[in-house]
PDB file of all heavy atoms in Angstrom:
ATOM      1  N   SER A   1      11.234  13.921  10.321  1.00  0.00           N
ATOM      2  CA  SER A   1      12.285  13.188   9.637  1.00  0.00           C
ATOM      3  C   SER A   1      11.984  11.694   9.576  1.00  0.00           C
ATOM      4  O   SER A   1      12.276  11.036   8.573  1.00  0.00           O
ATOM      5  CB  SER A   1      13.636  13.428  10.310  1.00  0.00           C
ATOM      6  OG  SER A   1      13.616  13.011  11.667  1.00  0.00           O
ATOM      7  N   VAL A   2      11.408  11.146  10.629  1.00  0.00           N
ATOM      8  CA  VAL A   2      11.043   9.737  10.631  1.00  0.00           C
ATOM      9  C   VAL A   2       9.890   9.481   9.672  1.00  0.00           C
ATOM     10  O   VAL A   2       9.899   8.518   8.902  1.00  0.00           O
ATOM     11  CB  VAL A   2      10.682   9.271  12.054  1.00  0.00           C
ATOM     12  CG1 VAL A   2      10.118   7.854  12.031  1.00  0.00           C
ATOM     13  CG2 VAL A   2      11.905   9.337  12.954  1.00  0.00           C
ATOM     14  N   PHE A   3       8.887  10.325   9.716  1.00  0.00           N
ATOM     15  CA  PHE A   3       7.754  10.171   8.825  1.00  0.00           C
ATOM     16  C   PHE A   3       8.201  10.213   7.366  1.00  0.00           C
ATOM     17  O   PHE A   3       7.772   9.399   6.547  1.00  0.00           O
ATOM     18  CB  PHE A   3       6.716  11.254   9.097  1.00  0.00           C
ATOM     19  CG  PHE A   3       5.472  11.119   8.266  1.00  0.00           C
ATOM     20  CD1 PHE A   3       4.415  10.334   8.700  1.00  0.00           C
ATOM     21  CD2 PHE A   3       5.361  11.775   7.049  1.00  0.00           C
ATOM     22  CE1 PHE A   3       3.269  10.204   7.942  1.00  0.00           C
ATOM     23  CE2 PHE A   3       4.223  11.649   6.287  1.00  0.00           C
ATOM     24  CZ  PHE A   3       3.169  10.861   6.729  1.00  0.00           C
ATOM     25  N   THR A   4       9.056  11.155   7.041  1.00  0.00           N
ATOM     26  CA  THR A   4       9.508  11.326   5.672  1.00  0.00           C
ATOM     27  C   THR A   4      10.279  10.107   5.169  1.00  0.00           C
ATOM     28  O   THR A   4      10.136   9.714   4.011  1.00  0.00           O
ATOM     29  CB  THR A   4      10.381  12.578   5.546  1.00  0.00           C
ATOM     30  OG1 THR A   4       9.628  13.729   5.949  1.00  0.00           O
ATOM     31  CG2 THR A   4      10.862  12.772   4.121  1.00  0.00           C
ATOM     32  N   ALA A   5      11.067   9.482   6.025  1.00  0.00           N
ATOM     33  CA  ALA A   5      11.958   8.411   5.618  1.00  0.00           C
ATOM     34  C   ALA A   5      11.344   7.019   5.699  1.00  0.00           C
ATOM     35  O   ALA A   5      11.957   6.055   5.233  1.00  0.00           O
ATOM     36  CB  ALA A   5      13.230   8.451   6.466  1.00  0.00           C
ATOM     37  N   SER A   6      10.168   6.894   6.269  1.00  0.00           N
ATOM     38  CA  SER A   6       9.605   5.581   6.557  1.00  0.00           C
ATOM     39  C   SER A   6       8.596   5.150   5.497  1.00  0.00           C
ATOM     40  O   SER A   6       7.698   5.921   5.146  1.00  0.00           O
ATOM     41  CB  SER A   6       8.920   5.594   7.923  1.00  0.00           C
ATOM     42  OG  SER A   6       9.838   5.925   8.951  1.00  0.00           O
ATOM     43  N   PRO A   7       8.721   3.922   4.998  1.00  0.00           N
ATOM     44  CA  PRO A   7       7.706   3.399   4.077  1.00  0.00           C
ATOM     45  C   PRO A   7       6.340   3.343   4.746  1.00  0.00           C
ATOM     46  O   PRO A   7       6.222   3.001   5.924  1.00  0.00           O
ATOM     47  CB  PRO A   7       8.212   1.989   3.736  1.00  0.00           C
ATOM     48  CG  PRO A   7       9.685   2.040   4.013  1.00  0.00           C
ATOM     49  CD  PRO A   7       9.824   2.968   5.189  1.00  0.00           C
ATOM     50  N   MET A   8       5.328   3.658   3.992  1.00  0.00           N
ATOM     51  CA  MET A   8       3.961   3.633   4.483  1.00  0.00           C
ATOM     52  C   MET A   8       3.044   3.097   3.405  1.00  0.00           C
ATOM     53  O   MET A   8       3.456   2.889   2.262  1.00  0.00           O
ATOM     54  CB  MET A   8       3.498   5.032   4.920  1.00  0.00           C
ATOM     55  CG  MET A   8       4.322   5.645   6.035  1.00  0.00           C
ATOM     56  SD  MET A   8       3.642   7.215   6.634  1.00  0.00           S
ATOM     57  CE  MET A   8       2.114   6.635   7.404  1.00  0.00           C
ATOM     58  N   GLY A   9       1.798   2.872   3.776  1.00  0.00           N
ATOM     59  CA  GLY A   9       0.844   2.411   2.790  1.00  0.00           C
ATOM     60  C   GLY A   9      -0.445   1.949   3.421  1.00  0.00           C
ATOM     61  O   GLY A   9      -0.777   2.321   4.553  1.00  0.00           O
ATOM     62  N   TRP A  10      -1.150   1.134   2.660  1.00  0.00           N
ATOM     63  CA  TRP A  10      -2.469   0.664   3.060  1.00  0.00           C
ATOM     64  C   TRP A  10      -2.614  -0.820   2.797  1.00  0.00           C
ATOM     65  O   TRP A  10      -2.120  -1.328   1.788  1.00  0.00           O
ATOM     66  CB  TRP A  10      -3.559   1.406   2.274  1.00  0.00           C
ATOM     67  CG  TRP A  10      -3.613   2.875   2.521  1.00  0.00           C
ATOM     68  CD1 TRP A  10      -2.879   3.841   1.911  1.00  0.00           C
ATOM     69  CD2 TRP A  10      -4.465   3.548   3.449  1.00  0.00           C
ATOM     70  NE1 TRP A  10      -3.220   5.084   2.398  1.00  0.00           N
ATOM     71  CE2 TRP A  10      -4.186   4.927   3.340  1.00  0.00           C
ATOM     72  CE3 TRP A  10      -5.436   3.125   4.351  1.00  0.00           C
ATOM     73  CZ2 TRP A  10      -4.852   5.888   4.113  1.00  0.00           C
ATOM     74  CZ3 TRP A  10      -6.097   4.070   5.120  1.00  0.00           C
ATOM     75  CH2 TRP A  10      -5.804   5.431   4.994  1.00  0.00           C
ATOM     76  N   TYR A  11      -3.291  -1.500   3.683  1.00  0.00           N
ATOM     77  CA  TYR A  11      -3.726  -2.851   3.411  1.00  0.00           C
ATOM     78  C   TYR A  11      -5.186  -2.988   3.826  1.00  0.00           C
ATOM     79  O   TYR A  11      -5.739  -2.124   4.509  1.00  0.00           O
ATOM     80  CB  TYR A  11      -2.842  -3.902   4.083  1.00  0.00           C
ATOM     81  CG  TYR A  11      -2.810  -3.886   5.595  1.00  0.00           C
ATOM     82  CD1 TYR A  11      -3.695  -4.679   6.323  1.00  0.00           C
ATOM     83  CD2 TYR A  11      -1.883  -3.107   6.287  1.00  0.00           C
ATOM     84  CE1 TYR A  11      -3.668  -4.684   7.705  1.00  0.00           C
ATOM     85  CE2 TYR A  11      -1.849  -3.112   7.671  1.00  0.00           C
ATOM     86  CZ  TYR A  11      -2.732  -3.898   8.374  1.00  0.00           C
ATOM     87  OH  TYR A  11      -2.699  -3.903   9.754  1.00  0.00           O
ATOM     88  N   ARG A  12      -5.800  -4.068   3.390  1.00  0.00           N
ATOM     89  CA  ARG A  12      -7.205  -4.257   3.681  1.00  0.00           C
ATOM     90  C   ARG A  12      -7.475  -5.716   4.007  1.00  0.00           C
ATOM     91  O   ARG A  12      -6.725  -6.604   3.615  1.00  0.00           O
ATOM     92  CB  ARG A  12      -8.072  -3.811   2.499  1.00  0.00           C
ATOM     93  CG  ARG A  12      -7.911  -4.661   1.243  1.00  0.00           C
ATOM     94  CD  ARG A  12      -8.677  -4.057   0.074  1.00  0.00           C
ATOM     95  NE  ARG A  12      -8.561  -4.869  -1.131  1.00  0.00           N
ATOM     96  CZ  ARG A  12      -9.046  -4.522  -2.313  1.00  0.00           C
ATOM     97  NH1 ARG A  12      -9.683  -3.363  -2.464  1.00  0.00           N
ATOM     98  NH2 ARG A  12      -8.888  -5.327  -3.359  1.00  0.00           N
ATOM     99  N   GLN A  13      -8.572  -5.934   4.712  1.00  0.00           N
ATOM    100  CA  GLN A  13      -8.972  -7.285   5.049  1.00  0.00           C
ATOM    101  C   GLN A  13     -10.495  -7.366   5.117  1.00  0.00           C
ATOM    102  O   GLN A  13     -11.135  -6.555   5.777  1.00  0.00           O
ATOM    103  CB  GLN A  13      -8.364  -7.745   6.369  1.00  0.00           C
ATOM    104  CG  GLN A  13      -8.579  -9.220   6.657  1.00  0.00           C
ATOM    105  CD  GLN A  13      -7.658  -9.734   7.739  1.00  0.00           C
ATOM    106  OE1 GLN A  13      -7.227  -8.986   8.606  1.00  0.00           O
ATOM    107  NE2 GLN A  13      -7.351 -11.018   7.689  1.00  0.00           N
ATOM    108  N   ALA A  14     -11.028  -8.340   4.433  1.00  0.00           N
ATOM    109  CA  ALA A  14     -12.452  -8.622   4.453  1.00  0.00           C
ATOM    110  C   ALA A  14     -12.677  -9.953   5.149  1.00  0.00           C
ATOM    111  O   ALA A  14     -11.790 -10.816   5.161  1.00  0.00           O
ATOM    112  CB  ALA A  14     -13.015  -8.657   3.033  1.00  0.00           C
ATOM    113  N   PRO A  15     -13.847 -10.156   5.742  1.00  0.00           N
ATOM    114  CA  PRO A  15     -14.130 -11.428   6.407  1.00  0.00           C
ATOM    115  C   PRO A  15     -13.926 -12.613   5.477  1.00  0.00           C
ATOM    116  O   PRO A  15     -14.400 -12.615   4.338  1.00  0.00           O
ATOM    117  CB  PRO A  15     -15.598 -11.294   6.826  1.00  0.00           C
ATOM    118  CG  PRO A  15     -15.815  -9.825   6.954  1.00  0.00           C
ATOM    119  CD  PRO A  15     -14.974  -9.219   5.869  1.00  0.00           C
ATOM    120  N   GLY A  16     -13.211 -13.624   5.964  1.00  0.00           N
ATOM    121  CA  GLY A  16     -12.976 -14.817   5.183  1.00  0.00           C
ATOM    122  C   GLY A  16     -11.889 -14.698   4.136  1.00  0.00           C
ATOM    123  O   GLY A  16     -11.652 -15.663   3.401  1.00  0.00           O
ATOM    124  N   LYS A  17     -11.239 -13.568   4.053  1.00  0.00           N
ATOM    125  CA  LYS A  17     -10.192 -13.357   3.069  1.00  0.00           C
ATOM    126  C   LYS A  17      -8.882 -13.019   3.762  1.00  0.00           C
ATOM    127  O   LYS A  17      -8.865 -12.491   4.875  1.00  0.00           O
ATOM    128  CB  LYS A  17     -10.560 -12.237   2.100  1.00  0.00           C
ATOM    129  CG  LYS A  17     -11.812 -12.495   1.288  1.00  0.00           C
ATOM    130  CD  LYS A  17     -12.145 -11.326   0.376  1.00  0.00           C
ATOM    131  CE  LYS A  17     -11.077 -11.108  -0.671  1.00  0.00           C
ATOM    132  NZ  LYS A  17     -11.433 -10.004  -1.607  1.00  0.00           N
ATOM    133  N   GLU A  18      -7.800 -13.344   3.084  1.00  0.00           N
ATOM    134  CA  GLU A  18      -6.492 -13.003   3.614  1.00  0.00           C
ATOM    135  C   GLU A  18      -6.254 -11.503   3.512  1.00  0.00           C
ATOM    136  O   GLU A  18      -6.805 -10.819   2.654  1.00  0.00           O
ATOM    137  CB  GLU A  18      -5.392 -13.754   2.849  1.00  0.00           C
ATOM    138  CG  GLU A  18      -5.430 -15.256   3.013  1.00  0.00           C
ATOM    139  CD  GLU A  18      -4.285 -15.940   2.299  1.00  0.00           C
ATOM    140  OE1 GLU A  18      -3.496 -15.245   1.628  1.00  0.00           O
ATOM    141  OE2 GLU A  18      -4.175 -17.167   2.414  1.00  0.00           O
ATOM    142  N   ARG A  19      -5.421 -11.010   4.416  1.00  0.00           N
ATOM    143  CA  ARG A  19      -5.058  -9.613   4.360  1.00  0.00           C
ATOM    144  C   ARG A  19      -4.324  -9.321   3.064  1.00  0.00           C
ATOM    145  O   ARG A  19      -3.451 -10.082   2.644  1.00  0.00           O
ATOM    146  CB  ARG A  19      -4.187  -9.242   5.560  1.00  0.00           C
ATOM    147  CG  ARG A  19      -3.924  -7.758   5.694  1.00  0.00           C
ATOM    148  CD  ARG A  19      -3.078  -7.463   6.914  1.00  0.00           C
ATOM    149  NE  ARG A  19      -1.736  -7.980   6.777  1.00  0.00           N
ATOM    150  CZ  ARG A  19      -0.780  -7.850   7.699  1.00  0.00           C
ATOM    151  NH1 ARG A  19      -1.056  -7.230   8.835  1.00  0.00           N
ATOM    152  NH2 ARG A  19       0.415  -8.354   7.491  1.00  0.00           N
ATOM    153  N   GLU A  20      -4.663  -8.231   2.438  1.00  0.00           N
ATOM    154  CA  GLU A  20      -4.105  -7.865   1.152  1.00  0.00           C
ATOM    155  C   GLU A  20      -3.412  -6.517   1.248  1.00  0.00           C
ATOM    156  O   GLU A  20      -4.015  -5.536   1.691  1.00  0.00           O
ATOM    157  CB  GLU A  20      -5.195  -7.815   0.071  1.00  0.00           C
ATOM    158  CG  GLU A  20      -4.691  -7.407  -1.307  1.00  0.00           C
ATOM    159  CD  GLU A  20      -5.799  -7.272  -2.324  1.00  0.00           C
ATOM    160  OE1 GLU A  20      -6.964  -7.071  -1.924  1.00  0.00           O
ATOM    161  OE2 GLU A  20      -5.514  -7.378  -3.536  1.00  0.00           O
ATOM    162  N   LEU A  21      -2.183  -6.476   0.818  1.00  0.00           N
ATOM    163  CA  LEU A  21      -1.473  -5.213   0.731  1.00  0.00           C
ATOM    164  C   LEU A  21      -1.964  -4.480  -0.508  1.00  0.00           C
ATOM    165  O   LEU A  21      -1.804  -4.959  -1.634  1.00  0.00           O
ATOM    166  CB  LEU A  21       0.034  -5.444   0.663  1.00  0.00           C
ATOM    167  CG  LEU A  21       0.916  -4.199   0.614  1.00  0.00           C
ATOM    168  CD1 LEU A  21       0.735  -3.349   1.864  1.00  0.00           C
ATOM    169  CD2 LEU A  21       2.378  -4.594   0.447  1.00  0.00           C
ATOM    170  N   VAL A  22      -2.536  -3.313  -0.303  1.00  0.00           N
ATOM    171  CA  VAL A  22      -3.179  -2.575  -1.380  1.00  0.00           C
ATOM    172  C   VAL A  22      -2.205  -1.642  -2.079  1.00  0.00           C
ATOM    173  O   VAL A  22      -2.140  -1.599  -3.310  1.00  0.00           O
ATOM    174  CB  VAL A  22      -4.390  -1.786  -0.847  1.00  0.00           C
ATOM    175  CG1 VAL A  22      -4.991  -0.912  -1.944  1.00  0.00           C
ATOM    176  CG2 VAL A  22      -5.431  -2.744  -0.295  1.00  0.00           C
ATOM    177  N   ALA A  23      -1.461  -0.873  -1.303  1.00  0.00           N
ATOM    178  CA  ALA A  23      -0.584   0.132  -1.877  1.00  0.00           C
ATOM    179  C   ALA A  23       0.518   0.478  -0.900  1.00  0.00           C
ATOM    180  O   ALA A  23       0.306   0.470   0.313  1.00  0.00           O
ATOM    181  CB  ALA A  23      -1.362   1.395  -2.244  1.00  0.00           C
ATOM    182  N   THR A  24       1.690   0.774  -1.436  1.00  0.00           N
ATOM    183  CA  THR A  24       2.808   1.227  -0.627  1.00  0.00           C
ATOM    184  C   THR A  24       3.396   2.483  -1.250  1.00  0.00           C
ATOM    185  O   THR A  24       3.307   2.694  -2.464  1.00  0.00           O
ATOM    186  CB  THR A  24       3.909   0.162  -0.492  1.00  0.00           C
ATOM    187  OG1 THR A  24       4.427  -0.157  -1.792  1.00  0.00           O
ATOM    188  CG2 THR A  24       3.357  -1.107   0.153  1.00  0.00           C
ATOM    189  N   ILE A  25       4.005   3.286  -0.400  1.00  0.00           N
ATOM    190  CA  ILE A  25       4.685   4.483  -0.873  1.00  0.00           C
ATOM    191  C   ILE A  25       5.951   4.667  -0.050  1.00  0.00           C
ATOM    192  O   ILE A  25       5.900   4.744   1.176  1.00  0.00           O
ATOM    193  CB  ILE A  25       3.765   5.722  -0.811  1.00  0.00           C
ATOM    194  CG1 ILE A  25       4.504   6.958  -1.329  1.00  0.00           C
ATOM    195  CG2 ILE A  25       3.197   5.941   0.588  1.00  0.00           C
ATOM    196  CD1 ILE A  25       3.571   8.135  -1.598  1.00  0.00           C
ATOM    197  N   THR A  26       7.075   4.685  -0.737  1.00  0.00           N
ATOM    198  CA  THR A  26       8.353   4.892  -0.086  1.00  0.00           C
ATOM    199  C   THR A  26       8.891   6.294  -0.322  1.00  0.00           C
ATOM    200  O   THR A  26       9.797   6.733   0.371  1.00  0.00           O
ATOM    201  CB  THR A  26       9.386   3.857  -0.558  1.00  0.00           C
ATOM    202  OG1 THR A  26       9.510   3.918  -1.986  1.00  0.00           O
ATOM    203  CG2 THR A  26       8.943   2.453  -0.162  1.00  0.00           C
ATOM    204  N   SER A  27       8.353   6.978  -1.303  1.00  0.00           N
ATOM    205  CA  SER A  27       8.617   8.377  -1.570  1.00  0.00           C
ATOM    206  C   SER A  27       7.439   8.901  -2.371  1.00  0.00           C
ATOM    207  O   SER A  27       6.545   8.138  -2.748  1.00  0.00           O
ATOM    208  CB  SER A  27       9.937   8.580  -2.318  1.00  0.00           C
ATOM    209  OG  SER A  27       9.838   8.127  -3.649  1.00  0.00           O
ATOM    210  N   ARG A  28       7.461  10.192  -2.639  1.00  0.00           N
ATOM    211  CA  ARG A  28       6.342  10.764  -3.376  1.00  0.00           C
ATOM    212  C   ARG A  28       6.206  10.199  -4.777  1.00  0.00           C
ATOM    213  O   ARG A  28       5.113  10.246  -5.355  1.00  0.00           O
ATOM    214  CB  ARG A  28       6.471  12.289  -3.428  1.00  0.00           C
ATOM    215  CG  ARG A  28       6.194  12.984  -2.107  1.00  0.00           C
ATOM    216  CD  ARG A  28       6.299  14.485  -2.254  1.00  0.00           C
ATOM    217  NE  ARG A  28       7.664  14.899  -2.547  1.00  0.00           N
ATOM    218  CZ  ARG A  28       8.022  16.142  -2.840  1.00  0.00           C
ATOM    219  NH1 ARG A  28       7.103  17.097  -2.882  1.00  0.00           N
ATOM    220  NH2 ARG A  28       9.283  16.434  -3.088  1.00  0.00           N
ATOM    221  N   THR A  29       7.272   9.657  -5.326  1.00  0.00           N
ATOM    222  CA  THR A  29       7.240   9.127  -6.685  1.00  0.00           C
ATOM    223  C   THR A  29       7.425   7.622  -6.762  1.00  0.00           C
ATOM    224  O   THR A  29       7.394   7.062  -7.856  1.00  0.00           O
ATOM    225  CB  THR A  29       8.308   9.807  -7.549  1.00  0.00           C
ATOM    226  OG1 THR A  29       9.602   9.592  -6.975  1.00  0.00           O
ATOM    227  CG2 THR A  29       8.048  11.307  -7.638  1.00  0.00           C
ATOM    228  N   ASP A  30       7.630   6.962  -5.650  1.00  0.00           N
ATOM    229  CA  ASP A  30       7.865   5.523  -5.615  1.00  0.00           C
ATOM    230  C   ASP A  30       6.670   4.860  -4.950  1.00  0.00           C
ATOM    231  O   ASP A  30       6.566   4.841  -3.723  1.00  0.00           O
ATOM    232  CB  ASP A  30       9.159   5.205  -4.870  1.00  0.00           C
ATOM    233  CG  ASP A  30       9.539   3.738  -4.967  1.00  0.00           C
ATOM    234  OD1 ASP A  30       8.810   2.960  -5.610  1.00  0.00           O
ATOM    235  OD2 ASP A  30      10.594   3.369  -4.396  1.00  0.00           O
ATOM    236  N   THR A  31       5.791   4.319  -5.765  1.00  0.00           N
ATOM    237  CA  THR A  31       4.577   3.680  -5.267  1.00  0.00           C
ATOM    238  C   THR A  31       4.407   2.311  -5.887  1.00  0.00           C
ATOM    239  O   THR A  31       4.950   2.017  -6.957  1.00  0.00           O
ATOM    240  CB  THR A  31       3.332   4.537  -5.565  1.00  0.00           C
ATOM    241  OG1 THR A  31       3.225   4.737  -6.986  1.00  0.00           O
ATOM    242  CG2 THR A  31       3.433   5.888  -4.873  1.00  0.00           C
ATOM    243  N   ARG A  32       3.638   1.477  -5.223  1.00  0.00           N
ATOM    244  CA  ARG A  32       3.381   0.126  -5.704  1.00  0.00           C
ATOM    245  C   ARG A  32       1.952  -0.245  -5.326  1.00  0.00           C
ATOM    246  O   ARG A  32       1.474   0.103  -4.247  1.00  0.00           O
ATOM    247  CB  ARG A  32       4.390  -0.864  -5.103  1.00  0.00           C
ATOM    248  CG  ARG A  32       4.212  -2.300  -5.524  1.00  0.00           C
ATOM    249  CD  ARG A  32       5.441  -3.114  -5.128  1.00  0.00           C
ATOM    250  NE  ARG A  32       5.693  -3.071  -3.698  1.00  0.00           N
ATOM    251  CZ  ARG A  32       5.181  -3.928  -2.821  1.00  0.00           C
ATOM    252  NH1 ARG A  32       4.383  -4.898  -3.241  1.00  0.00           N
ATOM    253  NH2 ARG A  32       5.477  -3.822  -1.539  1.00  0.00           N
ATOM    254  N   TYR A  33       1.305  -1.000  -6.226  1.00  0.00           N
ATOM    255  CA  TYR A  33      -0.098  -1.334  -6.032  1.00  0.00           C
ATOM    256  C   TYR A  33      -0.350  -2.809  -6.271  1.00  0.00           C
ATOM    257  O   TYR A  33       0.318  -3.448  -7.085  1.00  0.00           O
ATOM    258  CB  TYR A  33      -0.982  -0.530  -6.990  1.00  0.00           C
ATOM    259  CG  TYR A  33      -0.869   0.962  -6.828  1.00  0.00           C
ATOM    260  CD1 TYR A  33       0.032   1.703  -7.586  1.00  0.00           C
ATOM    261  CD2 TYR A  33      -1.671   1.636  -5.907  1.00  0.00           C
ATOM    262  CE1 TYR A  33       0.135   3.077  -7.430  1.00  0.00           C
ATOM    263  CE2 TYR A  33      -1.570   3.004  -5.749  1.00  0.00           C
ATOM    264  CZ  TYR A  33      -0.667   3.721  -6.512  1.00  0.00           C
ATOM    265  OH  TYR A  33      -0.570   5.078  -6.352  1.00  0.00           O
ATOM    266  N   ALA A  34      -1.342  -3.332  -5.567  1.00  0.00           N
ATOM    267  CA  ALA A  34      -1.813  -4.665  -5.855  1.00  0.00           C
ATOM    268  C   ALA A  34      -2.463  -4.686  -7.230  1.00  0.00           C
ATOM    269  O   ALA A  34      -3.053  -3.695  -7.678  1.00  0.00           O
ATOM    270  CB  ALA A  34      -2.814  -5.120  -4.793  1.00  0.00           C
ATOM    271  N   ASP A  35      -2.360  -5.826  -7.908  1.00  0.00           N
ATOM    272  CA  ASP A  35      -2.945  -5.931  -9.238  1.00  0.00           C
ATOM    273  C   ASP A  35      -4.441  -5.637  -9.229  1.00  0.00           C
ATOM    274  O   ASP A  35      -4.981  -5.093 -10.195  1.00  0.00           O
ATOM    275  CB  ASP A  35      -2.704  -7.326  -9.813  1.00  0.00           C
ATOM    276  CG  ASP A  35      -1.256  -7.573 -10.180  1.00  0.00           C
ATOM    277  OD1 ASP A  35      -0.512  -6.594 -10.361  1.00  0.00           O
ATOM    278  OD2 ASP A  35      -0.869  -8.749 -10.298  1.00  0.00           O
ATOM    279  N   SER A  36      -5.103  -5.965  -8.143  1.00  0.00           N
ATOM    280  CA  SER A  36      -6.544  -5.802  -8.070  1.00  0.00           C
ATOM    281  C   SER A  36      -6.991  -4.347  -8.058  1.00  0.00           C
ATOM    282  O   SER A  36      -8.163  -4.065  -8.319  1.00  0.00           O
ATOM    283  CB  SER A  36      -7.093  -6.514  -6.828  1.00  0.00           C
ATOM    284  OG  SER A  36      -6.490  -6.010  -5.652  1.00  0.00           O
ATOM    285  N   VAL A  37      -6.085  -3.415  -7.761  1.00  0.00           N
ATOM    286  CA  VAL A  37      -6.472  -2.009  -7.657  1.00  0.00           C
ATOM    287  C   VAL A  37      -5.710  -1.111  -8.622  1.00  0.00           C
ATOM    288  O   VAL A  37      -5.979   0.100  -8.664  1.00  0.00           O
ATOM    289  CB  VAL A  37      -6.295  -1.480  -6.217  1.00  0.00           C
ATOM    290  CG1 VAL A  37      -7.036  -2.364  -5.234  1.00  0.00           C
ATOM    291  CG2 VAL A  37      -4.822  -1.376  -5.847  1.00  0.00           C
ATOM    292  N   LYS A  38      -4.796  -1.662  -9.386  1.00  0.00           N
ATOM    293  CA  LYS A  38      -4.026  -0.847 -10.323  1.00  0.00           C
ATOM    294  C   LYS A  38      -4.938  -0.122 -11.299  1.00  0.00           C
ATOM    295  O   LYS A  38      -5.869  -0.702 -11.845  1.00  0.00           O
ATOM    296  CB  LYS A  38      -3.026  -1.713 -11.091  1.00  0.00           C
ATOM    297  CG  LYS A  38      -1.825  -2.148 -10.282  1.00  0.00           C
ATOM    298  CD  LYS A  38      -0.865  -2.983 -11.126  1.00  0.00           C
ATOM    299  CE  LYS A  38       0.350  -3.404 -10.328  1.00  0.00           C
ATOM    300  NZ  LYS A  38       1.265  -4.270 -11.119  1.00  0.00           N
ATOM    301  N   GLY A  39      -4.652   1.142 -11.493  1.00  0.00           N
ATOM    302  CA  GLY A  39      -5.454   1.955 -12.388  1.00  0.00           C
ATOM    303  C   GLY A  39      -6.660   2.576 -11.736  1.00  0.00           C
ATOM    304  O   GLY A  39      -7.297   3.457 -12.338  1.00  0.00           O
ATOM    305  N   ARG A  40      -6.998   2.148 -10.532  1.00  0.00           N
ATOM    306  CA  ARG A  40      -8.170   2.669  -9.836  1.00  0.00           C
ATOM    307  C   ARG A  40      -7.805   3.416  -8.551  1.00  0.00           C
ATOM    308  O   ARG A  40      -8.476   4.381  -8.193  1.00  0.00           O
ATOM    309  CB  ARG A  40      -9.144   1.539  -9.497  1.00  0.00           C
ATOM    310  CG  ARG A  40      -9.662   0.793 -10.718  1.00  0.00           C
ATOM    311  CD  ARG A  40     -10.777  -0.179 -10.344  1.00  0.00           C
ATOM    312  NE  ARG A  40     -10.312  -1.219  -9.429  1.00  0.00           N
ATOM    313  CZ  ARG A  40     -10.795  -1.405  -8.201  1.00  0.00           C
ATOM    314  NH1 ARG A  40     -11.775  -0.634  -7.745  1.00  0.00           N
ATOM    315  NH2 ARG A  40     -10.321  -2.385  -7.437  1.00  0.00           N
TER     316      ARG A  40
END
């Protein structure tokens, strides 16, 4: 029940760069992406 209700996603970090939020998912149909990865 906690897993199902909790927002999750991915972020990434490369040396010398700020941490970037890549993708989030709050439900199976509610997702959001960074502009740098949209479409990919």
